[in-house]
Amino acid sequence: MKRIVLIGPRGSGKSTIGPMVAQACGVPFIDTDEEIVSRTGRTVEELFRADGEDAFRDYETEVIQNLPEGPLVIATGGGAVCRTENVRMLRREAMVVFLEASAAVLADRTRGGMRPALTSLSHDEEVAAVLERRRARYRAAADLCLRADEETPAALCRVILEAAEKGSLPVNALSELLSFLDTTMIPAGERNVVHTRIRTGASWHNGLYAVIGNPCLHSISPSVFNPLFEKYRLDAFYTRIEHPDLAAIMAQFNRAGMKGLSVTIPFKQDVMRYCDAITPDAREIGAVNTVVQCGGRTMGSNTDWLGIRRPLEDTPAGEAVVFGAGGAAYAAIYALQSLGCGVTVLNRTAARAREAGERFDCAAGVPDDYKADAFDIIINATSVGMGGALPPLLRRDQLHEGQTVFDLVYTPPATPLIREARAAGCICIPGTEMFIHQACGQFERFTGIALEPDEVRELI
C-alpha cells in the first residue's frame, strides 16, 4: 500500500483518524509530535515554551527525515509543511491527506490548550491567521482534501481507505477524460500512458496534471514535470490538452478531479472565471497561469511574474521598458514594479499601451518612443523573434553596454534580440530563464515541493 500522511492544523483530527486508518490497514501509526516527545522526554508545550517554535521545527524535521521505510500511517504537526525538506520526504511514495476545518471549529477544539501562543493575537484570531498563512501549503502538499468539520472520523476513515486502494481520481471520470483526450491532438505516447493506467485499473495517487492552451502541443512542460515527479517518487502524470473550448476543458478537469493545470494562450484571462479563488498577484495582473484543485475548490495563481522577477533580483532597480501589452507584458510590469523599477510600456497599438499604463500607473507609448539612453532594463514581451524570425525587436545600435535585456521569447534560446544585445555589450537574460523560474513556482503550487532552478534547467 501507499504510505498515508495526514496533514492539517491542530484540532483537525489527525491523531484521532490516523490510528483508525492504521488499524484498518494493519500498519504502524506514527504521530511526529509523539515521536518528538519520546525522543526529548519533554512535552510539546514544554519544548515550545523553553526552546521556541524554530527549535521545535528542527526536532520535527529530524523525526520526519528519519521515518522508517515501508507502509505507515503518519500524522504530522501543523507547521511541518512550511519546510520543503519535510514535504519532500513526506510525499515520497505516499498519499497525503489534508484534513481541513474552519478556523472557528479549530479554535473551539484547541481552546484551553497549554501550548504557548505564536503571536500576540487572541486565541481565535491566531488560529485564523495561522490557518490563512498555511492553507495554500496544505493544499499544495495534499493529494486528497477532506472536510474534517463536516464528516465523522469513521466516514473520513472510509474515504481515505478507498482512495488509498483505488487512487484519488474517479475511474469513470478518467475514462470520460480519455475519450475527450482522444478528440484532441495529444501525442500518442501520452495518450497511451493514460490508456494503460485506466485499462489496468491503476490511478494517480499524487494527481493528474496538464498544460492547456490552443495551441500548446509545442509545450516542453511534460518533459520537465514528469521527470520531476519521478525524481521525487510521486505517482503523478502530466500531459497536454490542446483544445479550443475552455469550458469543455474545465468540465473535464473538474469531473476527473485533476490536481493542477498550467494555462497558456489564449486562456489565461478567461480561466479566471472558473476559479473559486484567485491570488492577489494574479488578480492584479489580470491573468492566471496556474490552477490547483483540492477538495473540489480551485485556486488560480500566476507564476509568470516570478519567472520574470527572479532572474532580475540581482539587477539594480532602474528605469525599465516593456515592449508589448498582453498577459506576459502585464506580468513583466508587475514584476518590475515589485523590484522598485520605473516602468514604461510600449506597444504598436497605442490604446492597448495606454490601457496597461492606466492599470499599473506607469508611462505608456509606442515603439518609436523608445530611447536607448532612457532605460536600464529592456523586456521583450511580444512574439517578435519567435522561431528566430527577423528583424530583431531592437538593433545593436539601439542598445548600449550595461543595459539588461530580457527576451521572454525562448525559441530559439539565442533570439535575434539576444544576439544583437550581446553584440552591443548588454547583460542578456534568455527566455528560458523565465520558463525555469515560473516552472519552479508551478511545481511548488502543484506539490508543495520547492525546487532549485538548476533542477529544471538541466531538463531543458
Protein backbone atom coordinates (compact mmCIF):
# COMPACT_ATOMS: atom_id res chain seq x y z
CA MET A 1 0.00 0.00 0.00
CA LYS A 2 0.93 3.66 -0.32
CA ARG A 3 2.06 5.38 2.84
CA ILE A 4 -0.71 7.62 4.13
CA VAL A 5 0.25 11.01 5.56
CA LEU A 6 -2.26 13.19 7.40
CA ILE A 7 -1.58 16.92 7.44
CA GLY A 8 -3.55 19.84 8.80
CA PRO A 9 -3.63 22.29 11.70
CA ARG A 10 -4.02 21.44 15.36
CA GLY A 11 -7.57 20.33 16.04
CA SER A 12 -8.19 18.87 12.58
CA GLY A 13 -8.40 15.30 13.91
CA LYS A 14 -5.13 13.80 12.68
CA SER A 15 -4.39 11.98 15.97
CA THR A 16 -7.92 10.54 16.03
CA ILE A 17 -8.27 9.46 12.41
CA GLY A 18 -4.66 8.31 11.94
CA PRO A 19 -4.86 5.33 14.36
CA MET A 20 -8.21 4.29 12.83
CA VAL A 21 -6.72 4.21 9.33
CA ALA A 22 -3.59 2.42 10.53
CA GLN A 23 -5.61 -0.26 12.33
CA ALA A 24 -7.77 -0.84 9.25
CA CYS A 25 -4.65 -1.18 7.08
CA GLY A 26 -2.76 -3.29 9.61
CA VAL A 27 0.27 -1.00 9.58
CA PRO A 28 2.05 1.11 12.24
CA PHE A 29 0.91 4.62 13.11
CA ILE A 30 3.41 7.37 13.86
CA ASP A 31 2.48 10.77 15.24
CA THR A 32 5.50 13.04 14.74
CA ASP A 33 4.61 15.11 17.82
CA GLU A 34 4.54 11.96 19.98
CA GLU A 35 7.83 10.84 18.43
CA ILE A 36 9.43 14.18 19.38
CA VAL A 37 8.15 13.82 22.96
CA SER A 38 9.55 10.29 23.14
CA ARG A 39 12.97 11.41 21.90
CA THR A 40 13.31 14.54 24.04
CA GLY A 41 11.49 13.47 27.20
CA ARG A 42 9.59 16.77 27.16
CA THR A 43 6.06 17.65 26.15
CA VAL A 44 5.37 19.68 23.01
CA GLU A 45 4.21 22.54 25.25
CA GLU A 46 7.47 22.43 27.24
CA LEU A 47 9.54 22.42 24.04
CA PHE A 48 7.66 25.38 22.60
CA ARG A 49 7.91 27.30 25.85
CA ALA A 50 11.59 26.61 26.58
CA ASP A 51 13.16 26.33 23.12
CA GLY A 52 10.76 28.22 20.85
CA GLU A 53 8.98 27.24 17.65
CA ASP A 54 12.10 27.18 15.44
CA ALA A 55 13.82 24.64 17.68
CA PHE A 56 10.67 22.53 17.77
CA ARG A 57 10.56 22.58 13.95
CA ASP A 58 14.16 21.34 13.91
CA TYR A 59 13.15 18.37 16.09
CA GLU A 60 10.19 17.79 13.79
CA THR A 61 12.35 17.81 10.66
CA GLU A 62 14.77 15.34 12.23
CA VAL A 63 11.91 12.95 13.02
CA ILE A 64 10.43 13.24 9.52
CA GLN A 65 13.78 12.71 7.82
CA ASN A 66 14.30 9.53 9.85
CA LEU A 67 10.91 7.89 9.47
CA PRO A 68 11.19 4.12 8.91
CA GLU A 69 10.72 2.70 5.42
CA GLY A 70 7.66 0.71 4.42
CA PRO A 71 3.90 1.09 4.82
CA LEU A 72 2.91 3.57 7.53
CA VAL A 73 0.22 5.99 8.53
CA ILE A 74 1.79 9.27 9.63
CA ALA A 75 0.28 12.32 11.33
CA THR A 76 2.41 15.46 11.22
CA GLY A 77 2.45 18.73 13.11
CA GLY A 78 0.51 21.63 11.66
CA GLY A 79 3.65 23.53 10.66
CA ALA A 80 5.53 20.62 9.10
CA VAL A 81 4.51 21.66 5.57
CA CYS A 82 6.29 25.01 6.00
CA ARG A 83 9.65 23.34 5.30
CA THR A 84 10.13 21.93 1.84
CA GLU A 85 12.55 19.24 3.08
CA ASN A 86 9.69 17.87 5.17
CA VAL A 87 7.28 17.90 2.24
CA ARG A 88 9.82 16.15 0.00
CA MET A 89 10.21 13.31 2.49
CA LEU A 90 6.55 13.01 3.44
CA ARG A 91 5.39 12.86 -0.19
CA ARG A 92 7.75 10.06 -1.24
CA GLU A 93 5.61 7.11 -2.36
CA ALA A 94 2.78 8.39 -0.19
CA MET A 95 -0.75 9.69 -0.44
CA VAL A 96 -1.07 12.94 1.53
CA VAL A 97 -4.44 13.84 3.05
CA PHE A 98 -5.28 17.38 4.19
CA LEU A 99 -7.84 17.38 6.99
CA GLU A 100 -9.43 20.81 6.65
CA ALA A 101 -11.69 22.60 9.11
CA SER A 102 -12.92 26.13 9.61
CA ALA A 103 -10.96 28.47 11.85
CA ALA A 104 -13.92 28.66 14.25
CA VAL A 105 -14.04 24.88 14.68
CA LEU A 106 -10.26 24.64 15.10
CA ALA A 107 -10.31 27.42 17.70
CA ASP A 108 -13.04 25.66 19.70
CA ARG A 109 -11.21 22.31 19.55
CA THR A 110 -7.90 23.77 20.77
CA ARG A 111 -9.22 26.27 23.29
CA GLY A 112 -7.65 25.93 26.73
CA GLY A 113 -4.57 24.08 25.49
CA MET A 114 -1.22 24.56 27.17
CA ARG A 115 0.78 25.35 24.03
CA PRO A 116 2.22 28.90 24.11
CA ALA A 117 0.79 31.45 21.70
CA LEU A 118 2.75 32.03 18.49
CA THR A 119 1.59 35.63 18.14
CA SER A 120 0.22 38.49 20.23
CA LEU A 121 -3.27 37.85 18.84
CA SER A 122 -6.16 36.36 20.76
CA HIS A 123 -6.56 32.57 20.52
CA ASP A 124 -9.32 32.75 17.91
CA GLU A 125 -7.52 35.39 15.87
CA GLU A 126 -4.24 33.44 15.98
CA VAL A 127 -5.90 30.23 14.80
CA ALA A 128 -7.48 32.09 11.87
CA ALA A 129 -4.24 33.89 10.96
CA VAL A 130 -2.08 30.75 11.08
CA LEU A 131 -4.63 28.79 9.05
CA GLU A 132 -4.77 31.51 6.40
CA ARG A 133 -0.97 31.64 6.21
CA ARG A 134 -0.60 27.88 5.80
CA ARG A 135 -3.71 26.95 3.81
CA ALA A 136 -2.05 27.21 0.39
CA ARG A 137 0.82 25.00 1.61
CA TYR A 138 -1.59 22.35 2.88
CA ARG A 139 -3.48 22.35 -0.40
CA ALA A 140 -0.32 22.16 -2.49
CA ALA A 141 1.13 19.27 -0.49
CA ALA A 142 -2.13 17.28 -0.43
CA ASP A 143 -3.49 14.69 -2.82
CA LEU A 144 -6.81 14.44 -1.06
CA CYS A 145 -8.57 17.30 0.80
CA LEU A 146 -11.32 16.37 3.25
CA ARG A 147 -13.57 18.49 5.45
CA ALA A 148 -12.85 17.29 8.97
CA ASP A 149 -15.55 19.54 10.42
CA GLU A 150 -18.36 18.16 8.25
CA GLU A 151 -17.85 14.38 8.47
CA THR A 152 -17.38 11.92 11.33
CA PRO A 153 -13.94 10.34 11.88
CA ALA A 154 -15.38 6.98 10.76
CA ALA A 155 -16.66 8.48 7.50
CA LEU A 156 -13.35 10.22 6.83
CA CYS A 157 -11.51 6.97 7.54
CA ARG A 158 -13.62 5.17 4.92
CA VAL A 159 -12.90 7.83 2.28
CA ILE A 160 -9.16 7.66 2.98
CA LEU A 161 -9.10 3.86 2.78
CA GLU A 162 -10.99 3.86 -0.51
CA ALA A 163 -8.64 6.46 -2.01
CA ALA A 164 -5.61 4.50 -0.80
CA GLU A 165 -6.93 1.38 -2.51
CA LYS A 166 -8.27 2.84 -5.76
CA GLY A 167 -6.45 6.15 -6.11
CA SER A 168 -7.70 9.64 -5.51
CA LEU A 169 -9.22 10.07 -9.00
CA PRO A 170 -12.61 8.59 -10.08
CA VAL A 171 -12.08 5.85 -12.69
CA ASN A 172 -15.35 6.55 -14.56
CA ALA A 173 -14.49 10.23 -14.90
CA LEU A 174 -10.99 9.32 -16.07
CA SER A 175 -12.48 7.15 -18.82
CA GLU A 176 -14.56 10.13 -19.93
CA LEU A 177 -11.44 12.28 -19.85
CA LEU A 178 -9.65 9.74 -22.01
CA SER A 179 -12.44 9.89 -24.59
CA PHE A 180 -12.14 13.67 -24.55
CA LEU A 181 -8.36 13.50 -24.99
CA ASP A 182 -8.88 11.22 -28.00
CA THR A 183 -10.61 14.14 -29.74
CA THR A 184 -7.53 16.33 -29.28
CA MET A 185 -4.07 16.19 -30.85
CA ILE A 186 -2.45 14.71 -27.75
CA PRO A 187 0.76 12.87 -28.72
CA ALA A 188 0.33 9.10 -28.99
CA GLY A 189 2.85 8.36 -26.23
CA GLU A 190 0.99 10.49 -23.70
CA ARG A 191 -2.37 9.05 -24.76
CA ASN A 192 -1.04 5.53 -24.34
CA VAL A 193 0.07 6.21 -20.78
CA VAL A 194 -3.42 7.36 -19.85
CA HIS A 195 -4.98 4.40 -21.70
CA THR A 196 -2.74 1.91 -19.93
CA ARG A 197 -3.33 3.29 -16.45
CA ILE A 198 -7.11 3.25 -16.85
CA ARG A 199 -7.14 -0.15 -18.55
CA THR A 200 -5.19 -1.74 -15.69
CA GLY A 201 -7.37 -0.09 -13.06
CA ALA A 202 -4.47 2.00 -11.75
CA SER A 203 -4.79 5.66 -10.86
CA TRP A 204 -2.58 8.56 -9.90
CA HIS A 205 -2.45 8.88 -6.12
CA ASN A 206 -0.50 12.12 -6.42
CA GLY A 207 -2.53 13.71 -9.18
CA LEU A 208 -3.05 14.21 -12.89
CA TYR A 209 -1.82 17.48 -14.40
CA ALA A 210 -1.84 19.13 -17.82
CA VAL A 211 -0.94 22.23 -19.75
CA ILE A 212 -3.99 23.65 -21.51
CA GLY A 213 -3.99 26.03 -24.45
CA ASN A 214 -4.71 26.43 -28.12
CA PRO A 215 -2.05 25.76 -29.26
CA CYS A 216 0.01 24.01 -26.59
CA LEU A 217 1.44 20.86 -28.20
CA HIS A 218 4.75 22.73 -28.54
CA SER A 219 4.99 22.95 -24.72
CA ILE A 220 8.02 21.30 -23.16
CA SER A 221 6.33 21.13 -19.75
CA PRO A 222 5.66 17.34 -19.83
CA SER A 223 9.38 16.70 -20.36
CA VAL A 224 10.07 18.78 -17.24
CA PHE A 225 7.30 17.83 -14.83
CA ASN A 226 7.17 14.08 -15.46
CA PRO A 227 10.90 13.55 -14.70
CA LEU A 228 10.48 15.70 -11.58
CA PHE A 229 7.54 13.55 -10.45
CA GLU A 230 9.75 10.50 -10.90
CA LYS A 231 12.65 12.14 -9.06
CA TYR A 232 10.50 12.88 -6.02
CA ARG A 233 8.78 9.48 -6.23
CA LEU A 234 5.36 10.90 -6.90
CA ASP A 235 2.69 8.75 -8.52
CA ALA A 236 1.60 11.53 -10.87
CA PHE A 237 1.42 12.31 -14.58
CA TYR A 238 1.50 15.50 -16.68
CA THR A 239 0.09 15.76 -20.20
CA ARG A 240 -1.10 18.32 -22.79
CA ILE A 241 -4.66 19.33 -23.68
CA GLU A 242 -4.86 21.39 -26.85
CA HIS A 243 -8.49 22.28 -27.45
CA PRO A 244 -10.35 25.45 -28.50
CA ASP A 245 -13.15 25.18 -25.91
CA LEU A 246 -12.06 26.21 -22.41
CA ALA A 247 -15.46 25.31 -20.92
CA ALA A 248 -15.10 21.74 -22.17
CA ILE A 249 -11.56 21.50 -20.78
CA MET A 250 -12.58 22.78 -17.35
CA ALA A 251 -15.57 20.44 -17.21
CA GLN A 252 -13.19 17.51 -17.68
CA PHE A 253 -10.72 18.97 -15.19
CA ASN A 254 -13.41 19.16 -12.50
CA ARG A 255 -15.08 15.81 -13.19
CA ALA A 256 -11.78 13.91 -13.28
CA GLY A 257 -10.55 15.60 -10.11
CA MET A 258 -7.29 16.64 -11.77
CA LYS A 259 -4.86 18.32 -9.36
CA GLY A 260 -3.36 21.08 -11.46
CA LEU A 261 -3.22 22.95 -14.75
CA SER A 262 -0.61 25.08 -16.45
CA VAL A 263 -2.52 27.65 -18.50
CA THR A 264 -1.21 29.21 -21.68
CA ILE A 265 -2.63 31.26 -24.56
CA PRO A 266 -5.43 32.10 -25.15
CA PHE A 267 -6.94 31.04 -21.79
CA LYS A 268 -5.02 32.97 -19.11
CA GLN A 269 -7.73 35.57 -18.61
CA ASP A 270 -10.84 33.50 -19.34
CA VAL A 271 -9.81 30.72 -16.94
CA MET A 272 -10.20 33.15 -14.03
CA ARG A 273 -13.97 32.78 -14.07
CA TYR A 274 -13.60 29.04 -13.45
CA CYS A 275 -11.57 29.57 -10.25
CA ASP A 276 -13.19 29.64 -6.82
CA ALA A 277 -10.40 31.87 -5.54
CA ILE A 278 -7.63 33.92 -7.16
CA THR A 279 -4.41 35.05 -5.51
CA PRO A 280 -3.89 38.83 -5.18
CA ASP A 281 -0.96 38.85 -7.64
CA ALA A 282 -2.95 37.08 -10.34
CA ARG A 283 -5.91 39.39 -9.81
CA GLU A 284 -3.73 42.48 -10.12
CA ILE A 285 -2.01 41.13 -13.24
CA GLY A 286 -5.37 40.07 -14.64
CA ALA A 287 -4.21 36.62 -15.69
CA VAL A 288 -3.88 33.11 -14.25
CA ASN A 289 -1.30 30.61 -15.49
CA THR A 290 -1.63 28.06 -12.67
CA VAL A 291 -4.77 26.33 -11.40
CA VAL A 292 -4.74 23.95 -8.41
CA GLN A 293 -7.74 21.89 -7.31
CA CYS A 294 -8.13 20.50 -3.81
CA GLY A 295 -11.33 19.28 -2.21
CA GLY A 296 -13.42 20.41 -5.16
CA ARG A 297 -12.20 24.02 -4.90
CA THR A 298 -9.89 25.65 -7.43
CA MET A 299 -7.27 28.31 -6.79
CA GLY A 300 -5.87 30.40 -9.61
CA SER A 301 -2.44 32.00 -9.34
CA ASN A 302 0.26 33.48 -11.53
CA THR A 303 3.89 32.35 -11.64
CA ASP A 304 4.80 34.18 -14.85
CA TRP A 305 5.73 37.29 -12.89
CA LEU A 306 8.01 35.20 -10.65
CA GLY A 307 9.66 33.84 -13.80
CA ILE A 308 10.48 37.45 -14.72
CA ARG A 309 11.27 38.80 -11.28
CA ARG A 310 13.69 36.15 -10.02
CA PRO A 311 16.25 36.43 -12.86
CA LEU A 312 16.25 40.21 -12.27
CA GLU A 313 16.60 40.18 -8.47
CA ASP A 314 20.35 40.88 -8.61
CA THR A 315 19.90 43.65 -11.19
CA PRO A 316 19.88 47.17 -9.70
CA ALA A 317 16.46 48.81 -9.88
CA GLY A 318 16.26 51.43 -12.60
CA GLU A 319 14.14 52.58 -15.48
CA ALA A 320 12.64 49.70 -17.44
CA VAL A 321 10.80 49.45 -20.74
CA VAL A 322 8.39 46.65 -21.60
CA PHE A 323 7.54 46.02 -25.24
CA GLY A 324 4.07 44.52 -25.57
CA ALA A 325 0.70 44.91 -23.84
CA GLY A 326 -0.56 41.34 -23.46
CA GLY A 327 -0.59 38.98 -20.48
CA ALA A 328 3.18 38.49 -20.47
CA ALA A 329 3.70 42.25 -20.53
CA TYR A 330 1.35 42.69 -17.56
CA ALA A 331 3.32 40.06 -15.62
CA ALA A 332 6.55 41.87 -16.53
CA ILE A 333 5.24 45.25 -15.39
CA TYR A 334 4.06 43.74 -12.10
CA ALA A 335 7.44 42.05 -11.56
CA LEU A 336 9.42 45.20 -12.36
CA GLN A 337 7.33 47.38 -10.06
CA SER A 338 7.77 44.83 -7.26
CA LEU A 339 11.53 45.40 -7.67
CA GLY A 340 11.13 49.17 -7.42
CA CYS A 341 11.69 49.92 -11.09
CA GLY A 342 10.10 52.76 -13.00
CA VAL A 343 8.26 51.25 -15.98
CA THR A 344 7.28 52.41 -19.45
CA VAL A 345 5.14 50.14 -21.63
CA LEU A 346 5.40 50.46 -25.42
CA ASN A 347 3.04 48.76 -27.86
CA ARG A 348 2.24 49.11 -31.56
CA THR A 349 -1.40 49.71 -30.66
CA ALA A 350 -1.26 52.89 -28.59
CA ALA A 351 -4.65 52.29 -26.99
CA ARG A 352 -3.50 48.97 -25.53
CA ALA A 353 -0.34 50.59 -24.20
CA ARG A 354 -2.44 53.31 -22.54
CA GLU A 355 -4.71 50.66 -21.02
CA ALA A 356 -1.69 48.91 -19.49
CA GLY A 357 -0.32 52.24 -18.31
CA GLU A 358 -3.56 53.14 -16.59
CA ARG A 359 -3.85 49.71 -14.97
CA PHE A 360 -0.36 49.87 -13.46
CA ASP A 361 0.04 53.64 -13.18
CA CYS A 362 3.06 53.71 -15.47
CA ALA A 363 4.15 55.58 -18.60
CA ALA A 364 2.94 54.33 -21.99
CA GLY A 365 3.68 54.90 -25.65
CA VAL A 366 4.51 53.30 -28.99
CA PRO A 367 7.80 51.60 -30.02
CA ASP A 368 9.01 54.74 -31.79
CA ASP A 369 9.12 56.41 -28.35
CA TYR A 370 11.99 54.15 -27.30
CA LYS A 371 15.26 55.94 -26.48
CA ALA A 372 18.26 53.81 -25.53
CA ASP A 373 19.67 56.27 -23.00
CA ALA A 374 16.39 56.36 -21.07
CA PHE A 375 16.30 52.72 -19.99
CA ASP A 376 18.42 50.38 -17.88
CA ILE A 377 16.26 47.26 -18.38
CA ILE A 378 14.56 46.12 -21.58
CA ILE A 379 11.97 43.34 -21.66
CA ASN A 380 10.52 41.91 -24.85
CA ALA A 381 7.04 40.62 -24.01
CA THR A 382 5.97 40.35 -27.65
CA SER A 383 6.30 37.40 -30.03
CA VAL A 384 8.86 39.26 -32.16
CA GLY A 385 11.83 36.96 -32.74
CA MET A 386 9.96 33.71 -32.11
CA GLY A 387 11.45 30.92 -34.17
CA GLY A 388 14.40 33.18 -34.99
CA ALA A 389 12.34 35.39 -37.27
CA LEU A 390 13.91 38.67 -38.33
CA PRO A 391 14.13 41.61 -37.97
CA PRO A 392 15.01 41.82 -34.26
CA LEU A 393 12.94 43.92 -31.89
CA LEU A 394 15.94 46.28 -31.46
CA ARG A 395 19.22 46.57 -33.35
CA ARG A 396 22.62 46.73 -31.66
CA ASP A 397 22.90 50.46 -32.44
CA GLN A 398 19.74 50.98 -30.35
CA LEU A 399 21.36 49.29 -27.34
CA HIS A 400 24.39 50.05 -25.23
CA GLU A 401 26.76 48.39 -22.80
CA GLY A 402 25.39 47.99 -19.29
CA GLN A 403 21.75 47.60 -20.26
CA THR A 404 19.98 44.41 -19.16
CA VAL A 405 17.98 42.78 -21.96
CA PHE A 406 15.45 40.08 -21.09
CA ASP A 407 13.73 38.42 -24.06
CA LEU A 408 10.72 36.39 -22.91
CA VAL A 409 10.76 34.52 -26.23
CA TYR A 410 12.65 31.26 -25.62
CA THR A 411 12.62 29.58 -29.03
CA PRO A 412 15.38 29.75 -30.09
CA PRO A 413 17.35 30.42 -26.85
CA ALA A 414 19.52 32.92 -28.73
CA THR A 415 16.83 35.07 -30.34
CA PRO A 416 17.67 37.84 -32.79
CA LEU A 417 17.26 40.38 -29.95
CA ILE A 418 19.62 38.45 -27.66
CA ARG A 419 22.21 38.22 -30.46
CA GLU A 420 22.02 41.98 -31.09
CA ALA A 421 22.18 42.73 -27.36
CA ARG A 422 25.26 40.56 -26.87
CA ALA A 423 26.98 42.33 -29.75
CA ALA A 424 26.19 45.66 -28.04
CA GLY A 425 27.72 44.51 -24.73
CA CYS A 426 24.42 44.19 -22.85
CA ILE A 427 23.71 41.84 -19.96
CA CYS A 428 21.41 39.23 -21.54
CA ILE A 429 18.73 37.02 -19.97
CA PRO A 430 17.21 34.44 -22.35
CA GLY A 431 13.56 33.48 -22.19
CA THR A 432 14.44 30.02 -20.91
CA GLU A 433 15.14 31.66 -17.55
CA MET A 434 11.55 32.84 -17.33
CA PHE A 435 10.34 29.32 -18.11
CA ILE A 436 12.66 27.82 -15.49
CA HIS A 437 11.59 30.09 -12.65
CA GLN A 438 7.88 30.05 -13.44
CA ALA A 439 8.03 26.24 -13.64
CA CYS A 440 9.63 26.15 -10.19
CA GLY A 441 6.73 28.22 -8.90
CA GLN A 442 4.18 25.95 -10.56
CA PHE A 443 5.77 22.75 -9.22
CA GLU A 444 5.62 24.12 -5.69
CA ARG A 445 1.96 25.06 -6.10
CA PHE A 446 1.23 21.63 -7.56
CA THR A 447 3.11 19.52 -4.99
CA GLY A 448 4.29 21.68 -2.10
CA ILE A 449 7.92 20.95 -3.06
CA ALA A 450 10.21 23.93 -3.71
CA LEU A 451 12.79 23.32 -6.43
CA GLU A 452 16.21 24.71 -7.11
CA PRO A 453 16.30 26.37 -10.57
CA ASP A 454 19.07 24.02 -11.71
CA GLU A 455 16.69 21.08 -11.28
CA VAL A 456 14.57 22.50 -14.11
CA ARG A 457 17.50 23.97 -16.03
CA GLU A 458 19.13 20.57 -16.52
CA LEU A 459 15.90 19.18 -18.01
CA ILE A 460 15.56 21.78 -20.76
